[in-house]
């Protein structure tokens, strides 16, 4: 079954790889709400980092996300820097932007978006 409401446009699956870092509560609420709307969301996050405070700030969101049904995996053994999003195998982005306003407004980040059918 597909989620077919105005906010999720028929999406079935979302996979996000990167780090949550200092993501705002509104971003976490959107991710959690996406699952409630019927979209299967999987996060692949770093299991180690070079930024200890940011790492634990991201982990502070795990409880809410897990309770909403988000699947979370931590990549072990490597520092995971790339950020990727894949939606239904049709829309993807790859780059360095984190899910926080600092990345969008102040850091020199870049993402590529790929559309396929």
N, C-alpha and C. Protein backbone atom coordinates (compact mmCIF):
# COMPACT_ATOMS: atom_id res chain seq x y z
N UNK A 1 0.84 -1.17 0.00
CA UNK A 1 0.00 0.00 0.00
C UNK A 1 0.89 1.24 0.00
N UNK A 2 0.51 2.23 -0.75
CA UNK A 2 1.26 3.48 -0.81
C UNK A 2 0.60 4.53 0.07
N UNK A 3 1.46 5.35 0.67
CA UNK A 3 0.94 6.51 1.40
C UNK A 3 0.56 7.55 0.36
N UNK A 4 -0.69 7.97 0.34
CA UNK A 4 -1.14 8.90 -0.69
C UNK A 4 -1.79 10.12 -0.06
N UNK A 5 -0.98 10.94 0.57
CA UNK A 5 -1.52 12.19 1.08
C UNK A 5 -0.67 13.33 0.50
N UNK A 6 -1.09 14.53 0.74
CA UNK A 6 -0.42 15.67 0.14
C UNK A 6 1.03 15.84 0.56
N UNK A 7 1.41 15.32 1.71
CA UNK A 7 2.77 15.52 2.19
C UNK A 7 3.75 14.48 1.69
N UNK A 8 3.27 13.30 1.31
CA UNK A 8 4.20 12.22 1.00
C UNK A 8 4.09 11.73 -0.43
N UNK A 9 3.13 12.22 -1.21
CA UNK A 9 3.06 12.01 -2.63
C UNK A 9 3.21 10.57 -3.12
N UNK A 10 2.72 9.60 -2.40
CA UNK A 10 2.75 8.23 -2.87
C UNK A 10 4.06 7.49 -2.61
N UNK A 11 4.97 8.06 -1.84
CA UNK A 11 6.24 7.39 -1.56
C UNK A 11 6.00 6.13 -0.74
N UNK A 12 6.85 5.12 -0.99
CA UNK A 12 6.78 3.88 -0.23
C UNK A 12 7.99 3.69 0.67
N UNK A 13 9.19 4.04 0.17
CA UNK A 13 10.41 3.77 0.92
C UNK A 13 11.35 4.97 0.84
N UNK A 14 11.96 5.27 1.97
CA UNK A 14 13.02 6.28 2.02
C UNK A 14 14.19 5.69 2.77
N UNK A 15 15.39 5.86 2.21
CA UNK A 15 16.62 5.44 2.89
C UNK A 15 17.53 6.65 2.97
N UNK A 16 17.96 6.96 4.18
CA UNK A 16 18.83 8.10 4.40
C UNK A 16 20.11 7.63 5.06
N UNK A 17 21.23 8.08 4.53
CA UNK A 17 22.53 7.76 5.12
C UNK A 17 23.21 9.07 5.43
N UNK A 18 23.80 9.16 6.59
CA UNK A 18 24.51 10.37 6.98
C UNK A 18 24.56 10.48 8.47
N UNK A 19 24.33 11.67 8.98
CA UNK A 19 24.26 11.83 10.43
C UNK A 19 23.16 12.82 10.76
N UNK A 20 22.56 12.61 11.91
CA UNK A 20 21.51 13.52 12.36
C UNK A 20 22.11 14.78 12.95
N UNK A 21 23.19 14.62 13.68
CA UNK A 21 23.85 15.77 14.27
C UNK A 21 22.90 16.62 15.07
N UNK A 22 22.93 17.90 14.80
CA UNK A 22 22.11 18.85 15.55
C UNK A 22 20.80 19.14 14.81
N UNK A 23 20.19 18.10 14.26
CA UNK A 23 18.92 18.27 13.55
C UNK A 23 17.87 18.85 14.49
N UNK A 24 17.11 19.78 13.99
CA UNK A 24 16.05 20.39 14.81
C UNK A 24 14.91 19.41 15.03
N UNK A 25 14.16 19.65 16.08
CA UNK A 25 13.03 18.78 16.40
C UNK A 25 12.05 18.70 15.25
N UNK A 26 11.88 19.79 14.50
CA UNK A 26 10.94 19.79 13.37
C UNK A 26 11.37 18.78 12.31
N UNK A 27 12.67 18.67 12.05
CA UNK A 27 13.17 17.70 11.08
C UNK A 27 12.90 16.28 11.57
N UNK A 28 13.16 16.03 12.84
CA UNK A 28 12.90 14.71 13.42
C UNK A 28 11.41 14.40 13.36
N UNK A 29 10.56 15.39 13.62
CA UNK A 29 9.11 15.20 13.55
C UNK A 29 8.66 14.84 12.14
N UNK A 30 9.26 15.45 11.12
CA UNK A 30 8.91 15.13 9.74
C UNK A 30 9.31 13.70 9.41
N UNK A 31 10.52 13.30 9.81
CA UNK A 31 10.97 11.93 9.54
C UNK A 31 10.05 10.93 10.25
N UNK A 32 9.75 11.16 11.51
CA UNK A 32 8.86 10.27 12.27
C UNK A 32 7.46 10.26 11.66
N UNK A 33 6.96 11.41 11.26
CA UNK A 33 5.63 11.52 10.66
C UNK A 33 5.52 10.83 9.32
N UNK A 34 6.62 10.74 8.61
CA UNK A 34 6.63 10.06 7.33
C UNK A 34 6.30 8.58 7.51
N UNK A 35 6.82 7.98 8.58
CA UNK A 35 6.53 6.57 8.87
C UNK A 35 5.05 6.41 9.22
N UNK A 36 4.53 7.32 10.02
CA UNK A 36 3.12 7.26 10.41
C UNK A 36 2.23 7.33 9.17
N UNK A 37 2.67 8.02 8.13
CA UNK A 37 1.91 8.14 6.89
C UNK A 37 2.03 6.90 6.01
N UNK A 38 2.81 5.90 6.45
CA UNK A 38 2.89 4.65 5.70
C UNK A 38 4.14 4.47 4.88
N UNK A 39 5.12 5.33 5.03
CA UNK A 39 6.37 5.22 4.28
C UNK A 39 7.40 4.50 5.15
N UNK A 40 8.07 3.48 4.61
CA UNK A 40 9.12 2.76 5.33
C UNK A 40 10.39 3.59 5.29
N UNK A 41 10.87 4.04 6.45
CA UNK A 41 12.05 4.90 6.53
C UNK A 41 13.18 4.13 7.22
N UNK A 42 14.34 4.12 6.57
CA UNK A 42 15.54 3.49 7.13
C UNK A 42 16.63 4.53 7.20
N UNK A 43 17.27 4.66 8.36
CA UNK A 43 18.41 5.55 8.54
C UNK A 43 19.67 4.71 8.69
N UNK A 44 20.71 5.04 7.95
CA UNK A 44 22.02 4.41 8.11
C UNK A 44 22.94 5.51 8.60
N UNK A 45 23.34 5.39 9.87
CA UNK A 45 24.06 6.46 10.55
C UNK A 45 25.44 5.97 10.98
N UNK A 46 26.35 6.89 11.24
CA UNK A 46 27.69 6.48 11.66
C UNK A 46 27.69 5.87 13.06
N UNK A 47 28.50 4.84 13.24
CA UNK A 47 28.68 4.24 14.54
C UNK A 47 29.87 4.83 15.28
N UNK A 48 30.69 5.61 14.57
CA UNK A 48 31.79 6.36 15.19
C UNK A 48 31.93 7.68 14.45
N UNK A 49 32.62 8.61 15.09
CA UNK A 49 32.70 9.95 14.52
C UNK A 49 33.94 10.66 15.01
N UNK A 50 34.24 11.75 14.36
CA UNK A 50 35.32 12.63 14.83
C UNK A 50 34.74 13.85 15.54
N UNK A 51 33.41 13.89 15.68
CA UNK A 51 32.73 15.01 16.36
C UNK A 51 31.82 14.44 17.45
N UNK A 52 32.39 14.18 18.62
CA UNK A 52 31.72 13.48 19.71
C UNK A 52 30.41 14.14 20.13
N UNK A 53 30.39 15.44 20.30
CA UNK A 53 29.19 16.14 20.78
C UNK A 53 28.06 16.04 19.75
N UNK A 54 28.39 16.25 18.49
CA UNK A 54 27.39 16.17 17.43
C UNK A 54 26.85 14.74 17.32
N UNK A 55 27.74 13.76 17.46
CA UNK A 55 27.36 12.35 17.40
C UNK A 55 26.31 12.03 18.47
N UNK A 56 26.55 12.45 19.69
CA UNK A 56 25.60 12.16 20.77
C UNK A 56 24.35 13.02 20.69
N UNK A 57 24.45 14.19 20.11
CA UNK A 57 23.25 15.00 19.86
C UNK A 57 22.32 14.25 18.91
N UNK A 58 22.87 13.65 17.87
CA UNK A 58 22.08 12.87 16.93
C UNK A 58 21.46 11.65 17.59
N UNK A 59 22.23 10.96 18.42
CA UNK A 59 21.72 9.78 19.11
C UNK A 59 20.58 10.12 20.07
N UNK A 60 20.50 11.34 20.53
CA UNK A 60 19.43 11.72 21.45
C UNK A 60 18.05 11.62 20.78
N UNK A 61 18.01 11.57 19.46
CA UNK A 61 16.74 11.47 18.72
C UNK A 61 16.31 10.03 18.47
N UNK A 62 17.18 9.06 18.74
CA UNK A 62 16.89 7.66 18.41
C UNK A 62 15.58 7.17 19.03
N UNK A 63 15.33 7.47 20.30
CA UNK A 63 14.14 6.98 20.97
C UNK A 63 12.86 7.35 20.24
N UNK A 64 12.71 8.61 19.91
CA UNK A 64 11.50 9.07 19.21
C UNK A 64 11.38 8.41 17.85
N UNK A 65 12.50 8.35 17.12
CA UNK A 65 12.47 7.78 15.79
C UNK A 65 12.12 6.28 15.83
N UNK A 66 12.74 5.55 16.74
CA UNK A 66 12.46 4.12 16.85
C UNK A 66 11.01 3.86 17.26
N UNK A 67 10.50 4.67 18.19
CA UNK A 67 9.10 4.50 18.61
C UNK A 67 8.14 4.75 17.46
N UNK A 68 8.49 5.63 16.53
CA UNK A 68 7.61 5.92 15.40
C UNK A 68 7.70 4.86 14.32
N UNK A 69 8.71 3.98 14.40
CA UNK A 69 8.84 2.91 13.41
C UNK A 69 10.00 3.07 12.44
N UNK A 70 10.81 4.10 12.61
CA UNK A 70 11.99 4.27 11.77
C UNK A 70 12.99 3.17 12.09
N UNK A 71 13.57 2.56 11.07
CA UNK A 71 14.62 1.56 11.27
C UNK A 71 15.96 2.29 11.26
N UNK A 72 16.79 2.05 12.27
CA UNK A 72 18.09 2.72 12.39
C UNK A 72 19.19 1.68 12.42
N UNK A 73 20.18 1.87 11.54
CA UNK A 73 21.38 1.04 11.52
C UNK A 73 22.58 1.95 11.71
N UNK A 74 23.56 1.51 12.49
CA UNK A 74 24.80 2.26 12.65
C UNK A 74 25.92 1.53 11.92
N UNK A 75 26.59 2.25 11.04
CA UNK A 75 27.72 1.69 10.28
C UNK A 75 28.92 1.66 11.20
N UNK A 76 29.48 0.48 11.40
CA UNK A 76 30.62 0.32 12.30
C UNK A 76 31.93 0.30 11.52
N UNK A 77 33.00 0.69 12.17
CA UNK A 77 34.34 0.54 11.62
C UNK A 77 34.85 1.70 10.78
N UNK A 78 33.97 2.54 10.29
CA UNK A 78 34.39 3.67 9.46
C UNK A 78 33.67 4.94 9.91
N UNK A 79 34.29 6.06 9.67
CA UNK A 79 33.60 7.33 9.85
C UNK A 79 32.81 7.58 8.57
N UNK A 80 31.51 7.74 8.69
CA UNK A 80 30.61 7.88 7.56
C UNK A 80 30.39 9.37 7.29
N UNK A 81 30.93 9.87 6.18
CA UNK A 81 30.80 11.30 5.93
C UNK A 81 29.78 11.63 4.84
N UNK A 82 29.67 10.80 3.82
CA UNK A 82 28.74 11.09 2.72
C UNK A 82 27.30 11.07 3.22
N UNK A 83 26.48 11.90 2.63
CA UNK A 83 25.06 11.94 2.96
C UNK A 83 24.30 11.56 1.71
N UNK A 84 23.43 10.55 1.80
CA UNK A 84 22.64 10.13 0.65
C UNK A 84 21.19 9.93 1.07
N UNK A 85 20.29 10.14 0.14
CA UNK A 85 18.88 9.87 0.33
C UNK A 85 18.40 9.16 -0.92
N UNK A 86 17.65 8.09 -0.74
CA UNK A 86 17.05 7.35 -1.85
C UNK A 86 15.57 7.18 -1.55
N UNK A 87 14.73 7.64 -2.47
CA UNK A 87 13.28 7.55 -2.30
C UNK A 87 12.70 6.71 -3.42
N UNK A 88 12.16 5.56 -3.05
CA UNK A 88 11.50 4.63 -3.98
C UNK A 88 12.38 4.23 -5.16
N UNK A 89 13.69 4.32 -5.04
CA UNK A 89 14.56 3.94 -6.14
C UNK A 89 14.44 4.85 -7.35
N UNK A 90 13.78 6.00 -7.19
CA UNK A 90 13.52 6.90 -8.31
C UNK A 90 14.21 8.25 -8.13
N UNK A 91 14.30 8.74 -6.90
CA UNK A 91 14.88 10.05 -6.61
C UNK A 91 16.00 9.84 -5.62
N UNK A 92 17.16 10.42 -5.91
CA UNK A 92 18.30 10.27 -5.00
C UNK A 92 19.08 11.56 -4.92
N UNK A 93 19.74 11.76 -3.79
CA UNK A 93 20.68 12.86 -3.65
C UNK A 93 21.92 12.32 -2.93
N UNK A 94 23.06 12.81 -3.35
CA UNK A 94 24.34 12.42 -2.77
C UNK A 94 25.13 13.70 -2.56
N UNK A 95 25.72 13.85 -1.38
CA UNK A 95 26.51 15.05 -1.14
C UNK A 95 27.01 15.13 0.27
N UNK A 96 27.26 16.36 0.69
CA UNK A 96 27.87 16.58 2.00
C UNK A 96 26.96 17.33 2.98
N UNK A 97 25.73 17.67 2.57
CA UNK A 97 24.84 18.46 3.41
C UNK A 97 24.22 17.62 4.52
N UNK A 98 24.32 18.11 5.77
CA UNK A 98 23.68 17.47 6.91
C UNK A 98 22.24 17.94 7.02
N UNK A 99 21.45 17.29 7.87
CA UNK A 99 20.05 17.68 8.09
C UNK A 99 19.94 18.76 9.15
N UNK A 100 20.63 19.87 8.94
CA UNK A 100 20.53 21.00 9.87
C UNK A 100 20.72 22.29 9.10
N UNK A 101 20.24 23.39 9.69
CA UNK A 101 20.28 24.68 9.03
C UNK A 101 21.70 25.19 8.81
N UNK A 102 22.61 24.84 9.68
CA UNK A 102 23.99 25.29 9.49
C UNK A 102 24.54 24.80 8.15
N UNK A 103 24.28 23.54 7.83
CA UNK A 103 24.73 23.00 6.55
C UNK A 103 24.12 23.74 5.38
N UNK A 104 22.81 24.01 5.49
CA UNK A 104 22.11 24.66 4.38
C UNK A 104 22.50 26.12 4.19
N UNK A 105 22.71 26.84 5.29
CA UNK A 105 22.90 28.29 5.19
C UNK A 105 24.34 28.77 5.32
N UNK A 106 25.17 28.08 6.09
CA UNK A 106 26.48 28.63 6.41
C UNK A 106 27.67 27.83 5.88
N UNK A 107 27.52 26.53 5.79
CA UNK A 107 28.64 25.71 5.32
C UNK A 107 28.65 25.67 3.79
N UNK A 108 29.77 25.42 3.24
CA UNK A 108 29.89 25.30 1.79
C UNK A 108 29.67 23.83 1.43
N UNK A 109 28.40 23.44 1.37
CA UNK A 109 28.00 22.06 1.11
C UNK A 109 27.47 21.94 -0.32
N UNK A 110 27.51 20.73 -0.84
CA UNK A 110 27.03 20.49 -2.19
C UNK A 110 26.40 19.12 -2.28
N UNK A 111 25.25 19.03 -2.95
CA UNK A 111 24.59 17.76 -3.21
C UNK A 111 24.25 17.68 -4.69
N UNK A 112 24.22 16.47 -5.21
CA UNK A 112 23.75 16.20 -6.57
C UNK A 112 22.43 15.45 -6.43
N UNK A 113 21.46 15.80 -7.25
CA UNK A 113 20.17 15.13 -7.24
C UNK A 113 20.04 14.35 -8.54
N UNK A 114 19.61 13.09 -8.42
CA UNK A 114 19.47 12.21 -9.59
C UNK A 114 18.02 11.73 -9.64
N UNK A 115 17.40 11.87 -10.80
CA UNK A 115 16.04 11.38 -11.02
C UNK A 115 16.11 10.22 -12.01
N UNK A 116 15.37 9.17 -11.72
CA UNK A 116 15.31 8.02 -12.63
C UNK A 116 13.93 7.43 -12.64
N UNK A 117 13.68 6.58 -13.60
CA UNK A 117 12.33 5.98 -13.72
C UNK A 117 12.42 4.51 -13.93
